[in-house]
N, C-alpha and C. Protein backbone atom coordinates (compact mmCIF):
# COMPACT_ATOMS: atom_id res chain seq x y z
N MET A 1 -28.89 43.81 68.67
CA MET A 1 -28.51 42.74 68.47
C MET A 1 -27.57 42.50 69.26
N ASN A 2 -27.27 41.35 70.01
CA ASN A 2 -25.84 41.96 70.79
C ASN A 2 -24.62 40.70 70.21
N ALA A 3 -23.61 41.64 70.03
CA ALA A 3 -22.61 40.87 69.25
C ALA A 3 -21.49 41.78 69.20
N THR A 4 -20.51 40.93 69.09
CA THR A 4 -19.02 41.38 69.55
C THR A 4 -18.53 42.69 68.72
N THR A 5 -18.12 43.43 67.92
CA THR A 5 -17.76 44.51 67.00
C THR A 5 -18.02 43.90 65.77
N PRO A 6 -17.13 42.95 65.19
CA PRO A 6 -16.41 42.80 63.88
C PRO A 6 -18.14 41.66 63.77
N ASP A 7 -18.64 40.85 64.64
CA ASP A 7 -19.86 39.97 64.07
C ASP A 7 -20.46 41.32 63.78
N VAL A 8 -20.83 42.48 64.00
CA VAL A 8 -22.17 43.70 63.98
C VAL A 8 -21.97 43.83 62.23
N ARG A 9 -20.50 43.73 62.25
CA ARG A 9 -20.43 44.68 60.50
C ARG A 9 -20.77 43.55 59.78
N GLN A 10 -19.87 42.36 60.22
CA GLN A 10 -20.39 40.98 59.43
C GLN A 10 -21.79 40.57 59.46
N HIS A 11 -22.73 41.13 59.93
CA HIS A 11 -24.09 41.05 60.48
C HIS A 11 -24.77 41.49 58.85
N ILE A 12 -24.37 43.36 59.69
CA ILE A 12 -24.79 44.21 58.33
C ILE A 12 -24.69 43.59 57.01
N LEU A 13 -23.18 43.31 56.79
CA LEU A 13 -22.89 43.24 55.45
C LEU A 13 -23.72 41.45 55.04
N GLU A 14 -23.81 40.20 55.55
CA GLU A 14 -24.71 39.46 55.09
C GLU A 14 -26.81 39.97 55.29
N ILE A 15 -26.80 40.43 55.67
CA ILE A 15 -27.99 41.23 55.83
C ILE A 15 -28.61 41.84 53.96
N ALA A 16 -27.31 42.29 53.92
CA ALA A 16 -27.61 43.80 53.12
C ALA A 16 -27.60 42.38 51.98
N HIS A 17 -26.49 41.68 51.99
CA HIS A 17 -26.61 41.24 50.18
C HIS A 17 -27.68 40.69 49.37
N PRO A 18 -28.42 39.97 50.34
CA PRO A 18 -30.08 39.41 49.81
C PRO A 18 -30.28 40.69 49.19
N LEU A 19 -30.66 42.05 50.26
CA LEU A 19 -31.21 43.00 49.61
C LEU A 19 -30.28 43.66 48.54
N LEU A 20 -29.29 43.38 48.30
CA LEU A 20 -29.23 44.11 47.23
C LEU A 20 -28.99 43.22 46.10
N LEU A 21 -29.29 42.35 46.02
CA LEU A 21 -29.79 40.80 44.70
C LEU A 21 -30.47 41.11 44.14
N ARG A 22 -31.78 41.99 45.38
CA ARG A 22 -32.79 41.46 45.05
C ARG A 22 -33.56 42.76 43.98
N LYS A 23 -32.65 44.26 45.08
CA LYS A 23 -32.57 45.51 44.29
C LYS A 23 -32.11 46.43 43.79
N GLY A 24 -30.57 45.79 43.58
CA GLY A 24 -30.01 46.51 43.54
C GLY A 24 -29.07 47.69 44.91
N PHE A 25 -28.21 48.16 44.66
CA PHE A 25 -27.55 49.19 45.15
C PHE A 25 -28.30 50.43 45.45
N THR A 26 -28.70 51.23 44.45
CA THR A 26 -29.26 52.44 44.44
C THR A 26 -30.54 52.17 45.19
N ALA A 27 -31.54 51.28 44.55
CA ALA A 27 -32.90 51.28 45.29
C ALA A 27 -32.77 50.92 47.07
N VAL A 28 -31.60 50.55 47.31
CA VAL A 28 -31.83 49.56 48.71
C VAL A 28 -31.08 51.25 49.85
N GLY A 29 -31.67 51.54 50.75
CA GLY A 29 -31.57 52.45 51.19
C GLY A 29 -31.16 52.37 52.51
N LEU A 30 -30.39 52.76 52.95
CA LEU A 30 -29.48 52.22 54.46
C LEU A 30 -30.01 52.57 55.49
N ALA A 31 -31.66 53.01 55.36
CA ALA A 31 -32.81 52.94 56.71
C ALA A 31 -33.21 51.62 56.04
N GLU A 32 -33.50 50.87 54.89
CA GLU A 32 -34.23 49.33 54.95
C GLU A 32 -32.51 48.58 55.38
N VAL A 33 -31.28 48.51 55.41
CA VAL A 33 -30.71 47.83 56.24
C VAL A 33 -30.76 47.89 57.45
N LEU A 34 -30.14 48.77 57.87
CA LEU A 34 -30.02 48.77 58.93
C LEU A 34 -31.24 48.33 59.73
N ALA A 35 -32.58 48.69 59.60
CA ALA A 35 -34.14 47.81 60.51
C ALA A 35 -34.33 46.54 59.52
N ALA A 36 -33.79 46.09 58.75
CA ALA A 36 -33.38 44.53 58.71
C ALA A 36 -32.17 43.78 59.36
N ALA A 37 -31.04 44.71 59.79
CA ALA A 37 -30.14 43.97 60.70
C ALA A 37 -30.45 44.14 61.90
N GLN A 38 -31.47 45.28 61.87
CA GLN A 38 -31.88 45.84 63.88
C GLN A 38 -30.80 46.03 64.59
N VAL A 39 -29.96 47.05 63.77
CA VAL A 39 -28.55 47.84 64.29
C VAL A 39 -28.85 49.50 63.90
N PRO A 40 -28.65 50.00 65.49
CA PRO A 40 -29.14 51.49 65.10
C PRO A 40 -27.99 51.82 64.15
N LYS A 41 -28.81 53.90 63.51
CA LYS A 41 -28.14 54.13 62.75
C LYS A 41 -26.66 54.01 62.66
N GLY A 42 -26.31 54.72 63.95
CA GLY A 42 -24.96 55.15 64.38
C GLY A 42 -23.89 53.74 64.06
N SER A 43 -23.94 52.84 64.26
CA SER A 43 -23.32 51.33 64.19
C SER A 43 -22.92 50.93 62.87
N PHE A 44 -24.10 52.07 61.92
CA PHE A 44 -23.56 51.94 60.28
C PHE A 44 -22.49 52.54 60.33
N TYR A 45 -22.59 53.76 60.59
CA TYR A 45 -21.71 54.81 60.23
C TYR A 45 -20.27 54.67 61.18
N HIS A 46 -20.20 53.43 62.52
CA HIS A 46 -19.02 53.61 62.93
C HIS A 46 -18.43 52.07 61.79
N TYR A 47 -18.86 51.46 61.06
CA TYR A 47 -18.36 50.70 60.63
C TYR A 47 -18.34 50.82 58.90
N PHE A 48 -18.77 51.70 58.44
CA PHE A 48 -18.71 52.34 56.89
C PHE A 48 -18.99 53.75 57.06
N GLY A 49 -17.77 54.48 56.47
CA GLY A 49 -18.43 55.44 56.08
C GLY A 49 -18.67 56.38 55.71
N SER A 50 -19.46 55.46 54.84
CA SER A 50 -20.55 56.42 53.53
C SER A 50 -21.22 54.75 52.88
N LYS A 51 -22.05 55.40 52.48
CA LYS A 51 -23.16 53.96 51.49
C LYS A 51 -22.54 53.57 50.12
N GLU A 52 -20.90 54.06 49.78
CA GLU A 52 -20.11 53.63 48.51
C GLU A 52 -18.90 52.91 49.77
N ALA A 53 -18.56 53.00 50.98
CA ALA A 53 -17.76 52.39 51.59
C ALA A 53 -18.21 50.68 52.12
N PHE A 54 -19.25 51.27 51.90
CA PHE A 54 -20.67 49.66 52.59
C PHE A 54 -20.39 48.88 51.74
N GLY A 55 -21.05 49.69 50.47
CA GLY A 55 -20.57 48.62 48.87
C GLY A 55 -19.59 48.14 48.35
N GLU A 56 -18.67 48.83 48.74
CA GLU A 56 -17.28 48.22 48.57
C GLU A 56 -16.90 47.53 49.15
N ALA A 57 -17.39 47.47 50.81
CA ALA A 57 -17.28 46.15 51.55
C ALA A 57 -18.04 45.04 51.37
N VAL A 58 -19.16 44.85 50.45
CA VAL A 58 -20.49 44.67 50.40
C VAL A 58 -19.25 43.23 49.45
N LEU A 59 -19.20 44.39 48.37
CA LEU A 59 -18.63 43.47 47.02
C LEU A 59 -16.85 42.71 47.29
N GLU A 60 -16.77 43.26 48.83
CA GLU A 60 -15.34 42.37 48.68
C GLU A 60 -15.89 41.11 49.57
N ALA A 61 -17.17 41.12 50.24
CA ALA A 61 -17.36 39.98 51.26
C ALA A 61 -17.48 39.07 50.17
N TYR A 62 -18.34 39.42 49.25
CA TYR A 62 -18.90 38.33 48.56
C TYR A 62 -17.81 38.17 48.07
N PHE A 63 -16.78 38.44 47.08
CA PHE A 63 -15.85 38.06 46.38
C PHE A 63 -14.90 36.90 47.46
N ALA A 64 -14.63 37.55 48.46
CA ALA A 64 -14.18 36.64 49.37
C ALA A 64 -14.50 35.82 49.95
N ASP A 65 -15.66 35.05 49.71
CA ASP A 65 -16.15 33.66 49.89
C ASP A 65 -16.26 33.46 48.52
N TYR A 66 -16.77 34.30 46.76
CA TYR A 66 -17.37 33.41 46.00
C TYR A 66 -15.43 32.53 45.50
N LEU A 67 -14.73 33.61 46.34
CA LEU A 67 -13.04 32.99 45.34
C LEU A 67 -12.62 31.98 46.55
N SER A 68 -12.93 31.90 47.30
CA SER A 68 -12.95 31.02 48.24
C SER A 68 -13.53 29.55 48.11
N ARG A 69 -14.79 29.41 48.16
CA ARG A 69 -15.41 28.69 47.16
C ARG A 69 -14.80 27.58 45.67
N MET A 70 -14.62 28.97 44.99
CA MET A 70 -13.92 28.57 43.27
C MET A 70 -12.28 27.91 44.06
N ASP A 71 -11.67 27.96 44.71
CA ASP A 71 -10.56 27.68 44.94
C ASP A 71 -11.04 26.34 45.77
N THR A 72 -11.82 26.10 46.08
CA THR A 72 -12.16 24.76 46.78
C THR A 72 -12.46 23.87 45.59
N MET A 73 -13.15 24.43 44.66
CA MET A 73 -13.86 23.45 43.26
C MET A 73 -12.88 23.37 42.78
N LEU A 74 -11.61 24.45 42.54
CA LEU A 74 -10.79 23.86 41.10
C LEU A 74 -9.59 22.51 42.27
N ALA A 75 -9.58 22.88 43.55
CA ALA A 75 -8.71 21.82 43.98
C ALA A 75 -9.32 20.39 43.87
N GLN A 76 -10.25 19.85 43.80
CA GLN A 76 -10.50 19.25 44.15
C GLN A 76 -9.78 18.06 42.43
N PRO A 77 -10.29 16.23 43.21
CA PRO A 77 -9.52 15.65 42.34
C PRO A 77 -10.10 16.06 40.90
N GLY A 78 -9.01 15.63 39.84
CA GLY A 78 -9.27 14.90 38.29
C GLY A 78 -8.72 15.62 37.50
N THR A 79 -8.48 15.81 36.21
CA THR A 79 -8.14 16.73 35.25
C THR A 79 -8.01 17.50 35.14
N GLY A 80 -7.60 19.09 35.06
CA GLY A 80 -7.77 20.61 34.97
C GLY A 80 -9.08 20.30 33.95
N ALA A 81 -9.23 19.54 32.83
CA ALA A 81 -10.78 20.13 31.88
C ALA A 81 -11.84 19.57 33.23
N GLU A 82 -11.82 18.57 33.48
CA GLU A 82 -12.53 17.94 34.85
C GLU A 82 -13.29 19.56 35.48
N ARG A 83 -12.11 19.85 36.30
CA ARG A 83 -12.15 21.05 37.01
C ARG A 83 -12.89 21.93 36.40
N LEU A 84 -12.59 22.69 35.47
CA LEU A 84 -13.58 23.62 34.79
C LEU A 84 -14.66 23.01 34.07
N LEU A 85 -15.27 22.57 33.58
CA LEU A 85 -16.62 21.62 33.22
C LEU A 85 -17.40 21.36 34.89
N GLU A 86 -16.62 21.56 35.69
CA GLU A 86 -17.27 21.30 37.14
C GLU A 86 -17.93 22.37 37.41
N TYR A 87 -16.64 23.29 37.68
CA TYR A 87 -17.03 24.78 38.01
C TYR A 87 -18.15 25.48 36.63
N PHE A 88 -18.14 25.12 35.54
CA PHE A 88 -19.31 25.99 34.33
C PHE A 88 -20.05 25.66 35.22
N ASP A 89 -20.28 24.25 34.76
CA ASP A 89 -22.00 23.06 35.67
C ASP A 89 -22.00 24.02 36.56
N ASP A 90 -21.48 24.11 37.75
CA ASP A 90 -22.06 25.17 39.05
C ASP A 90 -22.39 26.35 38.54
N TRP A 91 -21.10 27.25 38.35
CA TRP A 91 -22.29 28.33 37.38
C TRP A 91 -23.35 28.16 36.93
N MET A 92 -23.84 26.93 35.64
CA MET A 92 -25.21 27.14 35.29
C MET A 92 -26.12 27.06 35.47
N GLU A 93 -25.85 25.89 36.87
CA GLU A 93 -26.70 25.63 37.73
C GLU A 93 -27.29 26.73 39.13
N SER A 94 -26.43 27.67 39.34
CA SER A 94 -27.01 29.06 39.96
C SER A 94 -27.78 29.58 39.32
N GLN A 95 -27.64 29.85 37.61
CA GLN A 95 -28.10 31.20 37.04
C GLN A 95 -29.05 30.23 36.42
N THR A 96 -29.84 28.72 36.69
CA THR A 96 -30.81 28.70 36.15
C THR A 96 -31.68 27.88 37.13
N GLY A 97 -31.83 27.78 38.25
CA GLY A 97 -32.49 27.07 38.83
C GLY A 97 -33.54 27.96 40.04
N ASP A 98 -34.19 27.79 40.89
CA ASP A 98 -35.10 28.62 41.43
C ASP A 98 -34.43 30.20 42.00
N GLU A 99 -33.52 30.47 42.50
CA GLU A 99 -33.11 31.62 42.77
C GLU A 99 -32.00 32.05 41.71
N ALA A 100 -32.41 31.96 40.48
CA ALA A 100 -31.51 31.85 39.45
C ALA A 100 -31.00 33.62 38.88
N GLN A 101 -31.72 34.50 39.50
CA GLN A 101 -32.26 35.56 38.84
C GLN A 101 -31.64 36.29 40.42
N SER A 102 -31.03 35.92 41.04
CA SER A 102 -30.75 36.68 42.26
C SER A 102 -29.55 35.85 43.07
N ARG A 103 -28.58 35.32 42.40
CA ARG A 103 -27.39 35.37 42.67
C ARG A 103 -26.14 35.75 42.86
N CYS A 104 -25.77 36.26 41.71
CA CYS A 104 -24.63 36.74 40.86
C CYS A 104 -24.31 38.13 41.12
N LEU A 105 -23.53 39.04 42.17
CA LEU A 105 -23.59 40.66 42.43
C LEU A 105 -23.41 41.05 41.14
N VAL A 106 -22.26 40.50 40.43
CA VAL A 106 -21.34 40.90 39.68
C VAL A 106 -22.49 41.23 38.33
N VAL A 107 -23.51 40.34 37.97
CA VAL A 107 -24.33 40.91 36.86
C VAL A 107 -25.75 41.67 37.22
N LYS A 108 -25.69 41.19 38.51
CA LYS A 108 -26.83 42.42 39.80
C LYS A 108 -26.39 43.74 39.00
N LEU A 109 -24.96 43.81 39.89
CA LEU A 109 -24.39 45.75 40.62
C LEU A 109 -23.26 45.78 39.06
N GLY A 110 -22.94 45.04 38.25
CA GLY A 110 -22.02 45.24 37.62
C GLY A 110 -22.50 46.55 36.92
N ALA A 111 -23.15 46.88 36.01
CA ALA A 111 -23.11 47.92 34.98
C ALA A 111 -24.01 49.00 35.59
N GLU A 112 -24.42 48.91 37.31
CA GLU A 112 -25.09 49.67 37.86
C GLU A 112 -24.13 50.59 38.51
N VAL A 113 -23.41 50.14 39.15
CA VAL A 113 -21.97 50.79 40.11
C VAL A 113 -20.76 51.51 39.85
N CYS A 114 -20.57 51.04 38.17
CA CYS A 114 -18.91 51.18 38.19
C CYS A 114 -19.50 53.13 37.03
N ASP A 115 -20.60 53.63 36.90
CA ASP A 115 -20.43 54.56 36.95
C ASP A 115 -20.69 55.67 37.87
N LEU A 116 -21.37 55.36 39.16
CA LEU A 116 -21.43 55.45 40.35
C LEU A 116 -20.31 55.87 41.29
N SER A 117 -19.57 54.86 41.22
CA SER A 117 -18.47 54.68 42.30
C SER A 117 -16.98 54.16 41.91
N GLU A 118 -16.12 54.99 41.93
CA GLU A 118 -14.38 54.06 42.11
C GLU A 118 -14.31 53.08 42.33
N SER A 119 -14.49 53.49 43.81
CA SER A 119 -13.75 52.17 44.77
C SER A 119 -14.90 50.98 44.64
N MET A 120 -16.55 51.08 44.59
CA MET A 120 -16.98 50.01 44.09
C MET A 120 -16.07 49.37 42.96
N ARG A 121 -16.38 50.07 41.68
CA ARG A 121 -15.86 49.96 40.47
C ARG A 121 -14.35 49.16 40.73
N ALA A 122 -14.07 49.05 41.04
CA ALA A 122 -12.20 48.68 41.76
C ALA A 122 -12.46 47.41 42.00
N ALA A 123 -13.46 47.65 43.04
CA ALA A 123 -13.67 45.85 44.17
C ALA A 123 -14.22 45.07 42.98
N LEU A 124 -14.92 45.29 42.11
CA LEU A 124 -15.25 44.52 41.21
C LEU A 124 -14.11 44.13 40.17
N ALA A 125 -13.73 44.97 39.64
CA ALA A 125 -12.39 44.65 38.90
C ALA A 125 -11.74 43.37 39.20
N ARG A 126 -11.38 44.30 41.06
CA ARG A 126 -9.67 43.09 41.52
C ARG A 126 -10.55 41.19 41.56
N GLY A 127 -12.30 41.53 42.04
CA GLY A 127 -12.49 41.03 42.28
C GLY A 127 -13.08 39.78 40.71
N THR A 128 -13.24 39.54 39.82
CA THR A 128 -13.44 39.71 38.58
C THR A 128 -12.02 39.41 38.18
N GLY A 129 -11.39 40.00 38.12
CA GLY A 129 -9.87 39.32 37.63
C GLY A 129 -9.38 38.03 38.70
N GLY A 130 -9.75 37.65 39.92
CA GLY A 130 -8.87 37.24 41.10
C GLY A 130 -9.64 35.71 40.35
N ILE A 131 -10.66 36.03 39.59
CA ILE A 131 -11.95 35.00 38.65
C ILE A 131 -10.69 34.60 37.95
N VAL A 132 -10.57 35.34 36.92
CA VAL A 132 -9.98 35.19 35.66
C VAL A 132 -8.60 34.50 35.98
N GLU A 133 -8.36 35.32 36.95
CA GLU A 133 -6.42 34.41 37.42
C GLU A 133 -6.30 32.87 37.64
N ARG A 134 -7.62 32.65 38.23
CA ARG A 134 -8.06 30.78 38.52
C ARG A 134 -8.22 30.48 37.74
N LEU A 135 -8.73 30.52 36.51
CA LEU A 135 -9.32 30.26 35.77
C LEU A 135 -8.44 29.47 34.65
N ALA A 136 -7.10 30.50 34.40
CA ALA A 136 -6.08 30.80 33.87
C ALA A 136 -5.56 29.51 34.10
N ARG A 137 -4.78 29.04 35.28
CA ARG A 137 -4.39 28.36 36.27
C ARG A 137 -4.59 26.98 36.13
N CYS A 138 -6.09 27.07 35.99
CA CYS A 138 -6.42 25.48 35.64
C CYS A 138 -6.36 25.40 34.22
N ILE A 139 -6.68 26.33 33.78
CA ILE A 139 -6.74 26.21 31.66
C ILE A 139 -5.00 25.85 31.44
N GLU A 140 -4.42 25.92 32.47
CA GLU A 140 -3.05 25.65 32.42
C GLU A 140 -2.22 24.55 32.95
N ALA A 141 -2.88 24.37 33.76
CA ALA A 141 -2.79 22.45 34.63
C ALA A 141 -3.46 21.78 33.67
N GLY A 142 -5.15 22.03 33.25
CA GLY A 142 -5.19 20.75 32.05
C GLY A 142 -4.44 21.10 30.97
N ARG A 143 -3.65 22.12 30.22
CA ARG A 143 -2.86 21.82 29.36
C ARG A 143 -1.84 20.60 29.75
N ALA A 144 -1.18 21.02 31.05
CA ALA A 144 -0.22 20.26 31.32
C ALA A 144 0.02 18.73 31.04
N ASP A 145 -1.49 18.50 31.82
CA ASP A 145 -2.16 17.15 32.13
C ASP A 145 -2.43 16.26 30.81
N GLY A 146 -2.93 17.40 30.22
CA GLY A 146 -2.90 17.12 28.20
C GLY A 146 -4.70 16.97 27.86
N SER A 147 -5.59 17.46 29.00
CA SER A 147 -6.55 17.41 29.14
C SER A 147 -7.38 18.10 28.36
N VAL A 148 -6.82 19.29 27.97
CA VAL A 148 -6.89 21.33 27.41
C VAL A 148 -6.20 21.09 26.91
N LEU A 149 -6.73 21.04 25.46
CA LEU A 149 -6.27 21.42 24.05
C LEU A 149 -5.27 22.29 23.94
N SER A 150 -4.01 22.28 23.89
CA SER A 150 -2.95 23.30 23.89
C SER A 150 -2.31 22.81 22.15
N SER A 151 -2.53 24.19 21.14
CA SER A 151 -1.54 23.72 20.02
C SER A 151 -1.10 25.51 20.14
N ALA A 152 -0.40 25.28 18.95
CA ALA A 152 -0.01 26.78 18.79
C ALA A 152 -0.92 27.89 18.64
N SER A 153 -1.80 27.38 17.83
CA SER A 153 -3.31 28.16 17.70
C SER A 153 -4.16 28.72 18.90
N SER A 154 -3.61 27.88 20.07
CA SER A 154 -4.57 28.31 21.30
C SER A 154 -4.10 29.12 21.64
N PRO A 155 -5.27 30.28 22.01
CA PRO A 155 -5.05 31.76 22.61
C PRO A 155 -4.14 30.95 24.50
N ALA A 156 -3.46 31.92 25.02
CA ALA A 156 -2.98 31.95 25.83
C ALA A 156 -3.34 31.75 27.18
N PRO A 157 -2.91 30.77 28.48
CA PRO A 157 -4.22 30.39 29.43
C PRO A 157 -4.51 31.89 30.15
N GLN A 158 -4.18 32.99 30.38
CA GLN A 158 -4.75 34.17 30.51
C GLN A 158 -6.03 34.56 30.06
N ALA A 159 -5.67 34.83 28.45
CA ALA A 159 -6.54 35.11 27.16
C ALA A 159 -8.31 34.46 27.23
N ALA A 160 -7.52 33.29 26.89
CA ALA A 160 -8.74 32.20 27.02
C ALA A 160 -9.36 31.69 28.07
N ALA A 161 -8.65 32.20 29.63
CA ALA A 161 -9.21 32.48 30.55
C ALA A 161 -10.77 33.84 30.84
N ARG A 162 -9.87 34.73 30.20
CA ARG A 162 -10.63 36.47 29.96
C ARG A 162 -11.48 35.68 29.21
N SER A 163 -12.31 35.13 27.99
CA SER A 163 -12.66 35.08 26.92
C SER A 163 -13.74 34.45 27.75
N LEU A 164 -13.43 33.25 28.50
CA LEU A 164 -14.53 32.01 28.98
C LEU A 164 -15.42 32.71 30.21
N TYR A 165 -14.47 33.65 30.99
CA TYR A 165 -15.41 34.78 31.69
C TYR A 165 -16.68 35.55 30.84
N GLN A 166 -15.79 36.13 29.81
CA GLN A 166 -16.51 37.07 29.15
C GLN A 166 -18.51 36.36 29.12
N SER A 167 -17.63 34.98 28.31
CA SER A 167 -18.91 34.92 27.51
C SER A 167 -19.59 34.11 28.97
N TRP A 168 -19.43 33.78 29.91
CA TRP A 168 -20.13 33.08 31.00
C TRP A 168 -20.78 34.34 31.66
N LEU A 169 -20.24 35.88 32.08
CA LEU A 169 -21.14 36.82 32.20
C LEU A 169 -21.92 37.45 31.28
N GLY A 170 -22.07 37.58 30.23
CA GLY A 170 -22.07 38.14 28.90
C GLY A 170 -23.37 36.88 28.87
N ALA A 171 -23.83 35.76 29.18
CA ALA A 171 -24.29 34.56 28.60
C ALA A 171 -25.23 34.52 30.74
N SER A 172 -24.83 35.30 31.31
CA SER A 172 -25.97 34.78 32.26
C SER A 172 -26.70 36.17 32.59
N LEU A 173 -25.83 37.27 32.07
CA LEU A 173 -26.91 39.10 32.00
C LEU A 173 -28.11 38.28 30.63
N LEU A 174 -27.91 37.65 29.33
CA LEU A 174 -29.18 37.57 28.70
C LEU A 174 -29.28 36.82 29.08
N ALA A 175 -29.33 35.50 29.96
CA ALA A 175 -30.77 34.53 31.06
C ALA A 175 -31.27 35.29 31.69
N LYS A 176 -31.01 36.13 32.10
CA LYS A 176 -31.54 37.10 33.17
C LYS A 176 -33.10 38.11 32.00
N ILE A 177 -32.33 38.53 31.49
CA ILE A 177 -33.09 39.69 30.12
C ILE A 177 -34.53 38.54 30.01
N THR A 178 -33.64 37.35 29.29
CA THR A 178 -34.96 36.73 28.42
C THR A 178 -35.78 35.77 29.62
N HIS A 179 -35.06 35.25 30.48
CA HIS A 179 -35.79 34.04 31.40
C HIS A 179 -35.40 33.13 30.81
N ASP A 180 -34.42 32.96 29.96
CA ASP A 180 -34.25 31.28 29.12
C ASP A 180 -32.64 30.88 29.20
N ARG A 181 -32.22 29.85 29.22
CA ARG A 181 -30.80 29.59 29.97
C ARG A 181 -30.17 28.45 28.40
N THR A 182 -31.10 29.09 27.45
CA THR A 182 -30.01 29.57 25.87
C THR A 182 -28.57 29.68 25.92
N PRO A 183 -28.66 30.65 26.00
CA PRO A 183 -27.69 32.01 27.06
C PRO A 183 -26.79 30.67 27.33
N LEU A 184 -27.11 29.97 28.34
CA LEU A 184 -26.00 29.49 29.10
C LEU A 184 -24.92 28.69 28.31
N ASP A 185 -26.13 27.95 27.55
CA ASP A 185 -26.27 26.46 26.56
C ASP A 185 -24.80 27.00 25.45
N THR A 186 -25.08 27.82 24.99
CA THR A 186 -23.95 28.32 23.81
C THR A 186 -22.92 28.78 24.74
N ALA A 187 -22.99 29.42 26.03
CA ALA A 187 -21.60 29.35 26.44
C ALA A 187 -20.96 28.46 26.89
N MET A 188 -21.75 27.23 27.04
CA MET A 188 -21.39 26.04 27.72
C MET A 188 -20.43 24.86 26.69
N ALA A 189 -21.06 25.33 24.98
CA ALA A 189 -20.21 24.44 24.12
C ALA A 189 -19.51 25.85 23.51
N GLY A 190 -19.89 26.87 23.62
CA GLY A 190 -18.26 27.52 23.24
C GLY A 190 -16.89 27.26 24.44
N THR A 191 -17.43 27.10 25.72
CA THR A 191 -16.07 26.55 26.63
C THR A 191 -15.74 25.30 25.88
N ARG A 192 -16.23 23.75 25.67
CA ARG A 192 -16.23 22.65 25.55
C ARG A 192 -15.42 22.85 24.15
N GLN A 193 -15.35 23.67 22.93
CA GLN A 193 -15.20 24.27 22.03
C GLN A 193 -13.07 24.50 21.99
N LEU A 194 -13.47 25.87 22.92
CA LEU A 194 -12.03 26.55 22.90
C LEU A 194 -11.31 25.91 24.41
N LEU A 195 -11.52 24.53 24.76
CA LEU A 195 -10.59 23.79 25.81
C LEU A 195 -10.61 22.39 24.96
N GLY A 196 -11.14 22.42 23.89
CA GLY A 196 -11.05 21.01 22.96
C GLY A 196 -11.74 19.75 23.46
N LEU A 197 -12.61 20.63 23.89
CA LEU A 197 -13.77 18.77 24.10
C LEU A 197 -15.04 18.58 23.55
N HIS A 198 -14.87 17.53 23.59
CA HIS A 198 -15.95 16.62 22.64
C HIS A 198 -17.07 16.33 23.72
């Protein structure tokens, strides 16, 4: 590959992403990644000190892209409730289309890598924390504009966001296991209830 230095690193990460989504972290060997990227082995170790460092970099790149798309989506015009529902509608679509079984690195790699690599676990924790933080801000905005339920019994925005994310993550995993969208429909019903939407 004839490319500048940063482009080679990015190229390796982009090639690896679908491989990891399809096969998982442990099942994908470096030789397979390098062959798919058409990059010599020495180049890999120039950019990544180990397979673990490579895995962390893949996760960081995934979350950088995901959080950027999420920021764009949650910045669209509309009430806080409308923006939250748009985000979760998008989530549902990403989990139920033709590529539904291969789009979320958190669902695919979460349980696998957390016991293998502390740095990869930490990258997952940082990334998912960023998702919860953005959801909490949108819930808070929805309460401020009156589109999201706010009462004495309502959980704080951070707690509500964490509950929603956990619900959707679990639903995505169950939908993957069962090849059935029912868990996602249940997550959407629970989301509407938690936000006070009918």
